[in-house]
Amino acid sequence: MIYTLLGADGRPYESAVPGRLGGYRRGRIYGRLDCPSALRAIADGGYVAHRVFFADEPTARAAGYRPCAVCLPDRYREWKNG
C-alpha cells in the first residue's frame, strides 16, 4: 500500500510506510493518530477532507504545524512558550 505524507517543505510525497502523526491542514496542527479531539471531529463528519499525515514530529514542525494541545500537551506548552 502507498501512503501520502507531507514533507518538511509542506509538499505531499508517497511513502510505503504510513504516517505516525496526523494533522489538520486548516489549523496547521499535528498530533497522535489516537488523539481524542481529532477522533471526535472525524466521528462528527468533519476534519477528514483537510487531514494530512507526517512521518515524525520534526517533519511536522518544519512544515509549519504546531503540536496539539490535547494529545501532546507538553510539546504544545514548549511550542507556546517559544
PDB file of N, CA and C in Angstrom:
ATOM      1  N   MET A   1       0.848  -1.181   0.000  1.00  0.00           N
ATOM      2  CA  MET A   1       0.000   0.000   0.000  1.00  0.00           C
ATOM      3  C   MET A   1       0.895   1.247   0.000  1.00  0.00           C
ATOM      4  N   ILE A   2       0.447   2.274  -0.668  1.00  0.00           N
ATOM      5  CA  ILE A   2       1.169   3.538  -0.738  1.00  0.00           C
ATOM      6  C   ILE A   2       0.392   4.588   0.063  1.00  0.00           C
ATOM      7  N   TYR A   3       1.117   5.354   0.869  1.00  0.00           N
ATOM      8  CA  TYR A   3       0.536   6.402   1.704  1.00  0.00           C
ATOM      9  C   TYR A   3       1.052   7.750   1.232  1.00  0.00           C
ATOM     10  N   THR A   4       0.239   8.774   1.401  1.00  0.00           N
ATOM     11  CA  THR A   4       0.660  10.128   1.073  1.00  0.00           C
ATOM     12  C   THR A   4       0.943  10.874   2.369  1.00  0.00           C
ATOM     13  N   LEU A   5       2.178  11.336   2.508  1.00  0.00           N
ATOM     14  CA  LEU A   5       2.603  12.097   3.683  1.00  0.00           C
ATOM     15  C   LEU A   5       3.026  13.487   3.241  1.00  0.00           C
ATOM     16  N   LEU A   6       3.098  14.417   4.194  1.00  0.00           N
ATOM     17  CA  LEU A   6       3.647  15.737   3.902  1.00  0.00           C
ATOM     18  C   LEU A   6       5.096  15.759   4.350  1.00  0.00           C
ATOM     19  N   GLY A   7       5.934  16.370   3.521  1.00  0.00           N
ATOM     20  CA  GLY A   7       7.337  16.510   3.864  1.00  0.00           C
ATOM     21  C   GLY A   7       7.594  17.803   4.607  1.00  0.00           C
ATOM     22  N   ALA A   8       8.834  18.022   4.988  1.00  0.00           N
ATOM     23  CA  ALA A   8       9.229  19.227   5.713  1.00  0.00           C
ATOM     24  C   ALA A   8       8.941  20.498   4.915  1.00  0.00           C
ATOM     25  N   ASP A   9       8.901  20.367   3.591  1.00  0.00           N
ATOM     26  CA  ASP A   9       8.600  21.521   2.736  1.00  0.00           C
ATOM     27  C   ASP A   9       7.102  21.739   2.558  1.00  0.00           C
ATOM     28  N   GLY A  10       6.274  20.895   3.217  1.00  0.00           N
ATOM     29  CA  GLY A  10       4.829  21.034   3.122  1.00  0.00           C
ATOM     30  C   GLY A  10       4.228  20.409   1.882  1.00  0.00           C
ATOM     31  N   ARG A  11       5.047  19.741   1.098  1.00  0.00           N
ATOM     32  CA  ARG A  11       4.558  19.105  -0.134  1.00  0.00           C
ATOM     33  C   ARG A  11       4.306  17.619   0.103  1.00  0.00           C
ATOM     34  N   PRO A  12       3.272  17.086  -0.545  1.00  0.00           N
ATOM     35  CA  PRO A  12       2.982  15.661  -0.383  1.00  0.00           C
ATOM     36  C   PRO A  12       4.000  14.787  -1.108  1.00  0.00           C
ATOM     37  N   TYR A  13       4.222  13.605  -0.546  1.00  0.00           N
ATOM     38  CA  TYR A  13       5.064  12.606  -1.203  1.00  0.00           C
ATOM     39  C   TYR A  13       4.519  11.230  -0.867  1.00  0.00           C
ATOM     40  N   GLU A  14       4.836  10.265  -1.701  1.00  0.00           N
ATOM     41  CA  GLU A  14       4.365   8.900  -1.490  1.00  0.00           C
ATOM     42  C   GLU A  14       5.347   8.137  -0.619  1.00  0.00           C
ATOM     43  N   SER A  15       4.803   7.294   0.255  1.00  0.00           N
ATOM     44  CA  SER A  15       5.613   6.511   1.180  1.00  0.00           C
ATOM     45  C   SER A  15       5.040   5.101   1.295  1.00  0.00           C
ATOM     46  N   ALA A  16       5.914   4.126   1.429  1.00  0.00           N
ATOM     47  CA  ALA A  16       5.470   2.756   1.677  1.00  0.00           C
ATOM     48  C   ALA A  16       5.120   2.563   3.147  1.00  0.00           C
ATOM     49  N   VAL A  17       5.513   3.519   3.988  1.00  0.00           N
ATOM     50  CA  VAL A  17       5.275   3.455   5.431  1.00  0.00           C
ATOM     51  C   VAL A  17       4.208   4.492   5.795  1.00  0.00           C
ATOM     52  N   PRO A  18       3.186   4.099   6.578  1.00  0.00           N
ATOM     53  CA  PRO A  18       2.157   5.079   6.951  1.00  0.00           C
ATOM     54  C   PRO A  18       2.711   6.149   7.890  1.00  0.00           C
ATOM     55  N   GLY A  19       2.048   7.278   7.916  1.00  0.00           N
ATOM     56  CA  GLY A  19       2.449   8.353   8.809  1.00  0.00           C
ATOM     57  C   GLY A  19       2.244   7.969  10.268  1.00  0.00           C
ATOM     58  N   ARG A  20       3.078   8.517  11.132  1.00  0.00           N
ATOM     59  CA  ARG A  20       2.969   8.257  12.572  1.00  0.00           C
ATOM     60  C   ARG A  20       2.150   9.328  13.279  1.00  0.00           C
ATOM     61  N   LEU A  21       1.957  10.469  12.603  1.00  0.00           N
ATOM     62  CA  LEU A  21       1.206  11.589  13.169  1.00  0.00           C
ATOM     63  C   LEU A  21       0.195  12.087  12.153  1.00  0.00           C
ATOM     64  N   GLY A  22      -0.938  12.567  12.654  1.00  0.00           N
ATOM     65  CA  GLY A  22      -1.937  13.165  11.790  1.00  0.00           C
ATOM     66  C   GLY A  22      -1.943  14.663  11.981  1.00  0.00           C
ATOM     67  N   GLY A  23      -2.474  15.361  11.004  1.00  0.00           N
ATOM     68  CA  GLY A  23      -2.543  16.803  11.094  1.00  0.00           C
ATOM     69  C   GLY A  23      -3.812  17.343  10.484  1.00  0.00           C
ATOM     70  N   TYR A  24      -4.121  18.572  10.830  1.00  0.00           N
ATOM     71  CA  TYR A  24      -5.282  19.287  10.298  1.00  0.00           C
ATOM     72  C   TYR A  24      -4.752  20.489   9.529  1.00  0.00           C
ATOM     73  N   ARG A  25      -4.896  20.419   8.203  1.00  0.00           N
ATOM     74  CA  ARG A  25      -4.313  21.437   7.325  1.00  0.00           C
ATOM     75  C   ARG A  25      -4.816  22.839   7.646  1.00  0.00           C
ATOM     76  N   ARG A  26      -6.095  23.003   7.882  1.00  0.00           N
ATOM     77  CA  ARG A  26      -6.645  24.344   8.116  1.00  0.00           C
ATOM     78  C   ARG A  26      -6.087  24.984   9.383  1.00  0.00           C
ATOM     79  N   GLY A  27      -5.947  24.204  10.441  1.00  0.00           N
ATOM     80  CA  GLY A  27      -5.444  24.738  11.702  1.00  0.00           C
ATOM     81  C   GLY A  27      -3.943  24.631  11.858  1.00  0.00           C
ATOM     82  N   ARG A  28      -3.308  23.913  10.918  1.00  0.00           N
ATOM     83  CA  ARG A  28      -1.863  23.667  10.946  1.00  0.00           C
ATOM     84  C   ARG A  28      -1.442  23.094  12.302  1.00  0.00           C
ATOM     85  N   ILE A  29      -2.195  22.049  12.716  1.00  0.00           N
ATOM     86  CA  ILE A  29      -1.970  21.350  13.976  1.00  0.00           C
ATOM     87  C   ILE A  29      -1.612  19.905  13.663  1.00  0.00           C
ATOM     88  N   TYR A  30      -0.692  19.328  14.421  1.00  0.00           N
ATOM     89  CA  TYR A  30      -0.408  17.900  14.285  1.00  0.00           C
ATOM     90  C   TYR A  30      -0.539  17.232  15.640  1.00  0.00           C
ATOM     91  N   GLY A  31      -0.823  15.929  15.612  1.00  0.00           N
ATOM     92  CA  GLY A  31      -0.957  15.179  16.853  1.00  0.00           C
ATOM     93  C   GLY A  31      -0.927  13.690  16.610  1.00  0.00           C
ATOM     94  N   ARG A  32      -1.135  12.958  17.684  1.00  0.00           N
ATOM     95  CA  ARG A  32      -1.147  11.495  17.604  1.00  0.00           C
ATOM     96  C   ARG A  32      -2.363  11.018  16.810  1.00  0.00           C
ATOM     97  N   LEU A  33      -2.247   9.858  16.212  1.00  0.00           N
ATOM     98  CA  LEU A  33      -3.351   9.302  15.435  1.00  0.00           C
ATOM     99  C   LEU A  33      -4.525   8.903  16.326  1.00  0.00           C
ATOM    100  N   ASP A  34      -4.279   8.694  17.607  1.00  0.00           N
ATOM    101  CA  ASP A  34      -5.355   8.339  18.532  1.00  0.00           C
ATOM    102  C   ASP A  34      -5.827   9.540  19.362  1.00  0.00           C
ATOM    103  N   CYS A  35      -5.572  10.732  18.907  1.00  0.00           N
ATOM    104  CA  CYS A  35      -5.961  11.950  19.628  1.00  0.00           C
ATOM    105  C   CYS A  35      -7.481  11.994  19.805  1.00  0.00           C
ATOM    106  N   PRO A  36      -7.962  12.124  21.047  1.00  0.00           N
ATOM    107  CA  PRO A  36      -9.411  12.157  21.282  1.00  0.00           C
ATOM    108  C   PRO A  36     -10.111  13.310  20.565  1.00  0.00           C
ATOM    109  N   SER A  37      -9.455  14.455  20.499  1.00  0.00           N
ATOM    110  CA  SER A  37     -10.053  15.612  19.840  1.00  0.00           C
ATOM    111  C   SER A  37     -10.222  15.367  18.341  1.00  0.00           C
ATOM    112  N   ALA A  38      -9.193  14.839  17.703  1.00  0.00           N
ATOM    113  CA  ALA A  38      -9.268  14.546  16.273  1.00  0.00           C
ATOM    114  C   ALA A  38     -10.286  13.452  15.992  1.00  0.00           C
ATOM    115  N   LEU A  39     -10.305  12.422  16.820  1.00  0.00           N
ATOM    116  CA  LEU A  39     -11.253  11.325  16.612  1.00  0.00           C
ATOM    117  C   LEU A  39     -12.693  11.801  16.757  1.00  0.00           C
ATOM    118  N   ARG A  40     -12.954  12.731  17.693  1.00  0.00           N
ATOM    119  CA  ARG A  40     -14.303  13.302  17.830  1.00  0.00           C
ATOM    120  C   ARG A  40     -14.682  14.076  16.576  1.00  0.00           C
ATOM    121  N   ALA A  41     -13.757  14.896  16.076  1.00  0.00           N
ATOM    122  CA  ALA A  41     -14.034  15.685  14.873  1.00  0.00           C
ATOM    123  C   ALA A  41     -14.318  14.773  13.681  1.00  0.00           C
ATOM    124  N   ILE A  42     -13.539  13.712  13.545  1.00  0.00           N
ATOM    125  CA  ILE A  42     -13.748  12.767  12.449  1.00  0.00           C
ATOM    126  C   ILE A  42     -15.103  12.080  12.600  1.00  0.00           C
ATOM    127  N   ALA A  43     -15.452  11.661  13.811  1.00  0.00           N
ATOM    128  CA  ALA A  43     -16.734  10.989  14.060  1.00  0.00           C
ATOM    129  C   ALA A  43     -17.917  11.899  13.758  1.00  0.00           C
ATOM    130  N   ASP A  44     -17.728  13.202  13.954  1.00  0.00           N
ATOM    131  CA  ASP A  44     -18.792  14.178  13.681  1.00  0.00           C
ATOM    132  C   ASP A  44     -18.871  14.537  12.198  1.00  0.00           C
ATOM    133  N   GLY A  45     -18.013  13.939  11.383  1.00  0.00           N
ATOM    134  CA  GLY A  45     -18.065  14.158   9.940  1.00  0.00           C
ATOM    135  C   GLY A  45     -17.188  15.291   9.443  1.00  0.00           C
ATOM    136  N   GLY A  46     -16.411  15.882  10.298  1.00  0.00           N
ATOM    137  CA  GLY A  46     -15.538  16.968   9.882  1.00  0.00           C
ATOM    138  C   GLY A  46     -14.105  16.519   9.779  1.00  0.00           C
ATOM    139  N   TYR A  47     -13.247  17.457   9.390  1.00  0.00           N
ATOM    140  CA  TYR A  47     -11.806  17.250   9.515  1.00  0.00           C
ATOM    141  C   TYR A  47     -11.175  16.393   8.421  1.00  0.00           C
ATOM    142  N   VAL A  48     -11.879  15.346   7.969  1.00  0.00           N
ATOM    143  CA  VAL A  48     -11.274  14.350   7.083  1.00  0.00           C
ATOM    144  C   VAL A  48     -10.752  14.956   5.777  1.00  0.00           C
ATOM    145  N   ALA A  49     -11.479  15.873   5.191  1.00  0.00           N
ATOM    146  CA  ALA A  49     -11.062  16.456   3.913  1.00  0.00           C
ATOM    147  C   ALA A  49      -9.774  17.271   4.045  1.00  0.00           C
ATOM    148  N   HIS A  50      -9.442  17.671   5.265  1.00  0.00           N
ATOM    149  CA  HIS A  50      -8.268  18.511   5.495  1.00  0.00           C
ATOM    150  C   HIS A  50      -7.203  17.794   6.320  1.00  0.00           C
ATOM    151  N   ARG A  51      -7.288  16.473   6.383  1.00  0.00           N
ATOM    152  CA  ARG A  51      -6.360  15.671   7.188  1.00  0.00           C
ATOM    153  C   ARG A  51      -5.100  15.394   6.387  1.00  0.00           C
ATOM    154  N   VAL A  52      -3.968  15.508   7.047  1.00  0.00           N
ATOM    155  CA  VAL A  52      -2.667  15.204   6.451  1.00  0.00           C
ATOM    156  C   VAL A  52      -1.908  14.302   7.421  1.00  0.00           C
ATOM    157  N   PHE A  53      -0.814  13.719   6.943  1.00  0.00           N
ATOM    158  CA  PHE A  53      -0.043  12.801   7.768  1.00  0.00           C
ATOM    159  C   PHE A  53       1.441  13.105   7.662  1.00  0.00           C
ATOM    160  N   PHE A  54       2.147  12.848   8.758  1.00  0.00           N
ATOM    161  CA  PHE A  54       3.582  13.112   8.828  1.00  0.00           C
ATOM    162  C   PHE A  54       4.320  11.872   9.305  1.00  0.00           C
ATOM    163  N   ALA A  55       5.561  11.741   8.881  1.00  0.00           N
ATOM    164  CA  ALA A  55       6.399  10.630   9.317  1.00  0.00           C
ATOM    165  C   ALA A  55       6.825  10.807  10.766  1.00  0.00           C
ATOM    166  N   ASP A  56       7.063  12.079  11.187  1.00  0.00           N
ATOM    167  CA  ASP A  56       7.569  12.327  12.538  1.00  0.00           C
ATOM    168  C   ASP A  56       7.351  13.789  12.918  1.00  0.00           C
ATOM    169  N   GLU A  57       7.641  14.102  14.180  1.00  0.00           N
ATOM    170  CA  GLU A  57       7.441  15.465  14.675  1.00  0.00           C
ATOM    171  C   GLU A  57       8.351  16.508  14.034  1.00  0.00           C
ATOM    172  N   PRO A  58       9.650  16.228  13.868  1.00  0.00           N
ATOM    173  CA  PRO A  58      10.483  17.247  13.223  1.00  0.00           C
ATOM    174  C   PRO A  58       9.969  17.646  11.830  1.00  0.00           C
ATOM    175  N   THR A  59       9.437  16.686  11.098  1.00  0.00           N
ATOM    176  CA  THR A  59       8.895  16.990   9.776  1.00  0.00           C
ATOM    177  C   THR A  59       7.647  17.854   9.889  1.00  0.00           C
ATOM    178  N   ALA A  60       6.767  17.519  10.828  1.00  0.00           N
ATOM    179  CA  ALA A  60       5.544  18.310  11.019  1.00  0.00           C
ATOM    180  C   ALA A  60       5.880  19.749  11.399  1.00  0.00           C
ATOM    181  N   ARG A  61       6.823  19.915  12.301  1.00  0.00           N
ATOM    182  CA  ARG A  61       7.216  21.274  12.716  1.00  0.00           C
ATOM    183  C   ARG A  61       7.877  22.042  11.580  1.00  0.00           C
ATOM    184  N   ALA A  62       8.730  21.369  10.833  1.00  0.00           N
ATOM    185  CA  ALA A  62       9.399  22.027   9.706  1.00  0.00           C
ATOM    186  C   ALA A  62       8.393  22.472   8.649  1.00  0.00           C
ATOM    187  N   ALA A  63       7.287  21.739   8.531  1.00  0.00           N
ATOM    188  CA  ALA A  63       6.244  22.090   7.567  1.00  0.00           C
ATOM    189  C   ALA A  63       5.354  23.223   8.083  1.00  0.00           C
ATOM    190  N   GLY A  64       5.602  23.683   9.320  1.00  0.00           N
ATOM    191  CA  GLY A  64       4.856  24.814   9.858  1.00  0.00           C
ATOM    192  C   GLY A  64       3.655  24.449  10.708  1.00  0.00           C
ATOM    193  N   TYR A  65       3.588  23.223  11.166  1.00  0.00           N
ATOM    194  CA  TYR A  65       2.488  22.780  12.010  1.00  0.00           C
ATOM    195  C   TYR A  65       2.896  22.845  13.480  1.00  0.00           C
ATOM    196  N   ARG A  66       1.915  23.050  14.346  1.00  0.00           N
ATOM    197  CA  ARG A  66       2.175  23.115  15.782  1.00  0.00           C
ATOM    198  C   ARG A  66       1.600  21.879  16.462  1.00  0.00           C
ATOM    199  N   PRO A  67       2.108  21.529  17.652  1.00  0.00           N
ATOM    200  CA  PRO A  67       1.599  20.368  18.375  1.00  0.00           C
ATOM    201  C   PRO A  67       0.171  20.592  18.895  1.00  0.00           C
ATOM    202  N   CYS A  68      -0.579  19.525  18.987  1.00  0.00           N
ATOM    203  CA  CYS A  68      -1.939  19.547  19.522  1.00  0.00           C
ATOM    204  C   CYS A  68      -1.892  19.718  21.038  1.00  0.00           C
ATOM    205  N   ALA A  69      -2.719  20.601  21.558  1.00  0.00           N
ATOM    206  CA  ALA A  69      -2.771  20.842  22.999  1.00  0.00           C
ATOM    207  C   ALA A  69      -3.433  19.688  23.748  1.00  0.00           C
ATOM    208  N   VAL A  70      -4.241  18.891  23.074  1.00  0.00           N
ATOM    209  CA  VAL A  70      -4.966  17.802  23.721  1.00  0.00           C
ATOM    210  C   VAL A  70      -4.091  16.563  23.875  1.00  0.00           C
ATOM    211  N   CYS A  71      -3.506  16.089  22.786  1.00  0.00           N
ATOM    212  CA  CYS A  71      -2.772  14.817  22.844  1.00  0.00           C
ATOM    213  C   CYS A  71      -1.265  14.980  23.035  1.00  0.00           C
ATOM    214  N   LEU A  72      -0.760  16.191  22.855  1.00  0.00           N
ATOM    215  CA  LEU A  72       0.669  16.463  23.064  1.00  0.00           C
ATOM    216  C   LEU A  72       0.834  17.703  23.945  1.00  0.00           C
ATOM    217  N   PRO A  73       0.261  17.693  25.148  1.00  0.00           N
ATOM    218  CA  PRO A  73       0.244  18.917  25.966  1.00  0.00           C
ATOM    219  C   PRO A  73       1.631  19.450  26.333  1.00  0.00           C
ATOM    220  N   ASP A  74       2.583  18.579  26.617  1.00  0.00           N
ATOM    221  CA  ASP A  74       3.932  19.051  26.965  1.00  0.00           C
ATOM    222  C   ASP A  74       4.589  19.735  25.774  1.00  0.00           C
ATOM    223  N   ARG A  75       4.475  19.121  24.614  1.00  0.00           N
ATOM    224  CA  ARG A  75       5.079  19.716  23.412  1.00  0.00           C
ATOM    225  C   ARG A  75       4.356  21.006  23.021  1.00  0.00           C
ATOM    226  N   TYR A  76       3.030  21.028  23.240  1.00  0.00           N
ATOM    227  CA  TYR A  76       2.273  22.239  22.968  1.00  0.00           C
ATOM    228  C   TYR A  76       2.762  23.377  23.852  1.00  0.00           C
ATOM    229  N   ARG A  77       2.946  23.118  25.160  1.00  0.00           N
ATOM    230  CA  ARG A  77       3.436  24.169  26.074  1.00  0.00           C
ATOM    231  C   ARG A  77       4.818  24.664  25.651  1.00  0.00           C
ATOM    232  N   GLU A  78       5.692  23.740  25.278  1.00  0.00           N
ATOM    233  CA  GLU A  78       7.015  24.131  24.785  1.00  0.00           C
ATOM    234  C   GLU A  78       6.882  25.042  23.573  1.00  0.00           C
ATOM    235  N   TRP A  79       6.029  24.641  22.630  1.00  0.00           N
ATOM    236  CA  TRP A  79       5.831  25.443  21.413  1.00  0.00           C
ATOM    237  C   TRP A  79       5.264  26.825  21.771  1.00  0.00           C
ATOM    238  N   LYS A  80       4.264  26.849  22.649  1.00  0.00           N
ATOM    239  CA  LYS A  80       3.614  28.106  23.012  1.00  0.00           C
ATOM    240  C   LYS A  80       4.573  29.061  23.724  1.00  0.00           C
ATOM    241  N   ASN A  81       5.455  28.507  24.546  1.00  0.00           N
ATOM    242  CA  ASN A  81       6.407  29.333  25.289  1.00  0.00           C
ATOM    243  C   ASN A  81       7.630  29.696  24.461  1.00  0.00           C
ATOM    244  N   GLY A  82       7.665  29.190  23.252  1.00  0.00           N
ATOM    245  CA  GLY A  82       8.694  29.563  22.295  1.00  0.00           C
ATOM    246  C   GLY A  82      10.043  29.025  22.571  1.00  0.00           C
TER     247      GLY A  82
END
